[in-house]
């Protein structure tokens, strides 16, 4: 039971981390596309991104727990991790474009741009998550008094 609580806590933490990062991306795109227009539109855009980031992060965590269950963070490669994130981002973009009810109203080129952006954000978020997890593992190892090689390749 304790193992499941730890996994659920990790998935929620991953979702919140992705939500925070995607909220920032939503704010930036809101400023870019809305030209710093109404604050409500900027916040709504950022909030939409944050919700998508939370869903994507928790789903990514679940897929990762199943696909890479026997591996530690230091055993995983960033490209593979990013690939899982990109796959999750692509699935999330399909979900967003088909369940919103506006898929038919959105031009095909815009749909491709949205799918590409969400896929890239998933890959980037996954790679960033692995980098943060490795730093945390390294910090924990240093706190425990274990020797850690701080220079890559040495």
Protein backbone atom coordinates (compact mmCIF):
# COMPACT_ATOMS: atom_id res chain seq x y z
CA UNK A 1 0.00 0.00 0.00
CA UNK A 2 2.81 2.38 0.86
CA UNK A 3 4.28 1.84 -2.62
CA UNK A 4 1.05 3.03 -4.26
CA UNK A 5 0.83 6.12 -2.05
CA UNK A 6 4.38 7.02 -3.06
CA UNK A 7 3.57 6.54 -6.76
CA UNK A 8 0.38 8.62 -6.53
CA UNK A 9 2.25 11.37 -4.70
CA UNK A 10 4.95 11.27 -7.39
CA UNK A 11 2.37 11.46 -10.20
CA UNK A 12 0.65 14.44 -8.56
CA UNK A 13 4.02 16.11 -8.05
CA UNK A 14 4.91 15.56 -11.70
CA UNK A 15 1.52 16.95 -12.74
CA UNK A 16 1.97 20.06 -10.59
CA UNK A 17 5.50 20.60 -11.88
CA UNK A 18 4.35 20.36 -15.49
CA UNK A 19 1.34 22.58 -14.71
CA UNK A 20 3.62 25.31 -13.35
CA UNK A 21 5.90 25.16 -16.40
CA UNK A 22 2.99 25.09 -18.83
CA UNK A 23 1.29 27.98 -17.00
CA UNK A 24 4.40 30.03 -17.80
CA UNK A 25 4.27 28.91 -21.43
CA UNK A 26 0.56 29.78 -21.57
CA UNK A 27 1.28 33.23 -20.20
CA UNK A 28 4.02 33.78 -22.78
CA UNK A 29 1.85 32.62 -25.69
CA UNK A 30 -1.04 34.70 -24.37
CA UNK A 31 1.13 37.80 -24.43
CA UNK A 32 2.42 36.87 -27.88
CA UNK A 33 -0.97 36.14 -29.44
CA UNK A 34 -3.21 38.50 -27.48
CA UNK A 35 -0.66 41.31 -27.48
CA UNK A 36 -0.94 41.90 -23.77
CA UNK A 37 -4.68 42.41 -24.23
CA UNK A 38 -7.33 41.75 -21.61
CA UNK A 39 -5.93 40.26 -18.44
CA UNK A 40 -8.81 37.78 -18.33
CA UNK A 41 -7.83 36.38 -21.74
CA UNK A 42 -4.18 36.05 -20.68
CA UNK A 43 -5.11 34.29 -17.45
CA UNK A 44 -7.61 31.99 -19.19
CA UNK A 45 -4.96 31.00 -21.74
CA UNK A 46 -2.38 30.37 -19.02
CA UNK A 47 -4.89 28.39 -16.97
CA UNK A 48 -5.81 26.25 -19.98
CA UNK A 49 -2.13 25.45 -20.50
CA UNK A 50 -1.70 24.66 -16.79
CA UNK A 51 -4.60 22.20 -16.79
CA UNK A 52 -3.24 20.53 -19.92
CA UNK A 53 0.20 20.38 -18.26
CA UNK A 54 -1.23 18.79 -15.13
CA UNK A 55 -3.10 16.15 -17.14
CA UNK A 56 -0.04 15.54 -19.31
CA UNK A 57 2.32 15.31 -16.34
CA UNK A 58 0.20 12.87 -14.37
CA UNK A 59 -0.46 10.73 -17.46
CA UNK A 60 3.26 10.79 -18.30
CA UNK A 61 4.05 9.67 -14.77
CA UNK A 62 1.63 6.75 -15.06
CA UNK A 63 3.04 5.65 -18.42
CA UNK A 64 6.58 5.97 -17.07
CA UNK A 65 5.72 3.88 -14.02
CA UNK A 66 4.49 1.11 -16.29
CA UNK A 67 7.09 1.30 -19.08
CA UNK A 68 10.20 1.98 -17.00
CA UNK A 69 9.18 0.41 -13.69
CA UNK A 70 12.44 -1.40 -13.04
CA UNK A 71 14.79 1.49 -13.82
CA UNK A 72 16.27 4.22 -11.65
CA UNK A 73 16.57 7.80 -12.92
CA UNK A 74 20.32 7.49 -13.47
CA UNK A 75 19.71 4.46 -15.71
CA UNK A 76 17.41 6.32 -18.12
CA UNK A 77 18.56 8.39 -21.05
CA UNK A 78 17.23 11.87 -21.65
CA UNK A 79 16.32 11.11 -25.31
CA UNK A 80 14.27 8.06 -24.27
CA UNK A 81 12.60 10.04 -21.49
CA UNK A 82 11.86 12.86 -23.96
CA UNK A 83 10.43 10.30 -26.37
CA UNK A 84 7.94 9.12 -23.74
CA UNK A 85 7.07 12.77 -23.08
CA UNK A 86 6.61 13.45 -26.80
CA UNK A 87 4.35 10.41 -27.13
CA UNK A 88 2.30 11.65 -24.18
CA UNK A 89 2.17 15.15 -25.65
CA UNK A 90 0.95 13.80 -28.99
CA UNK A 91 -1.76 11.78 -27.25
CA UNK A 92 -2.73 14.82 -25.18
CA UNK A 93 -2.99 16.99 -28.30
CA UNK A 94 -5.27 14.43 -29.96
CA UNK A 95 -7.40 14.41 -26.81
CA UNK A 96 -7.53 18.21 -26.69
CA UNK A 97 -8.44 18.56 -30.37
CA UNK A 98 -11.09 15.82 -30.41
CA UNK A 99 -12.88 16.34 -27.09
CA UNK A 100 -13.10 20.11 -27.20
CA UNK A 101 -15.86 19.98 -29.77
CA UNK A 102 -14.11 22.68 -31.76
CA UNK A 103 -11.86 20.39 -33.78
CA UNK A 104 -13.95 20.85 -36.90
CA UNK A 105 -13.96 24.63 -36.50
CA UNK A 106 -10.16 24.83 -36.17
CA UNK A 107 -8.28 24.88 -39.50
CA UNK A 108 -6.05 21.88 -40.21
CA UNK A 109 -2.84 23.94 -40.15
CA UNK A 110 -3.74 25.32 -36.72
CA UNK A 111 -4.47 21.80 -35.48
CA UNK A 112 -1.04 20.68 -36.69
CA UNK A 113 0.61 23.64 -34.98
CA UNK A 114 -1.19 22.87 -31.72
CA UNK A 115 -0.29 19.18 -31.94
CA UNK A 116 3.34 19.99 -32.69
CA UNK A 117 3.59 22.51 -29.85
CA UNK A 118 2.01 20.19 -27.28
CA UNK A 119 4.20 17.30 -28.44
CA UNK A 120 7.33 19.46 -28.13
CA UNK A 121 6.21 20.73 -24.72
CA UNK A 122 5.70 17.13 -23.57
CA UNK A 123 9.20 16.16 -24.71
CA UNK A 124 10.76 19.23 -23.14
CA UNK A 125 8.87 18.78 -19.88
CA UNK A 126 9.92 15.13 -19.68
CA UNK A 127 13.58 15.95 -20.35
CA UNK A 128 13.46 18.73 -17.78
CA UNK A 129 11.81 16.41 -15.25
CA UNK A 130 14.58 13.85 -15.66
CA UNK A 131 17.27 16.53 -15.29
CA UNK A 132 15.62 17.79 -12.08
CA UNK A 133 15.25 14.23 -10.74
CA UNK A 134 18.91 13.49 -11.41
CA UNK A 135 19.96 16.67 -9.59
CA UNK A 136 17.76 15.69 -6.64
CA UNK A 137 19.28 12.18 -6.56
CA UNK A 138 22.75 13.71 -6.68
CA UNK A 139 21.92 16.11 -3.84
CA UNK A 140 20.48 13.27 -1.75
CA UNK A 141 23.57 11.17 -2.35
CA UNK A 142 25.80 14.05 -1.25
CA UNK A 143 23.73 14.56 1.89
CA UNK A 144 24.06 10.86 2.69
CA UNK A 145 27.84 11.02 2.50
CA UNK A 146 28.12 8.79 -0.55
CA UNK A 147 30.80 9.70 -3.10
CA UNK A 148 29.36 11.16 -6.30
CA UNK A 149 31.22 11.81 -9.53
CA UNK A 150 30.46 15.45 -10.30
CA UNK A 151 32.40 15.49 -13.57
CA UNK A 152 30.71 13.69 -16.45
CA UNK A 153 32.85 11.16 -18.23
CA UNK A 154 35.57 11.02 -15.55
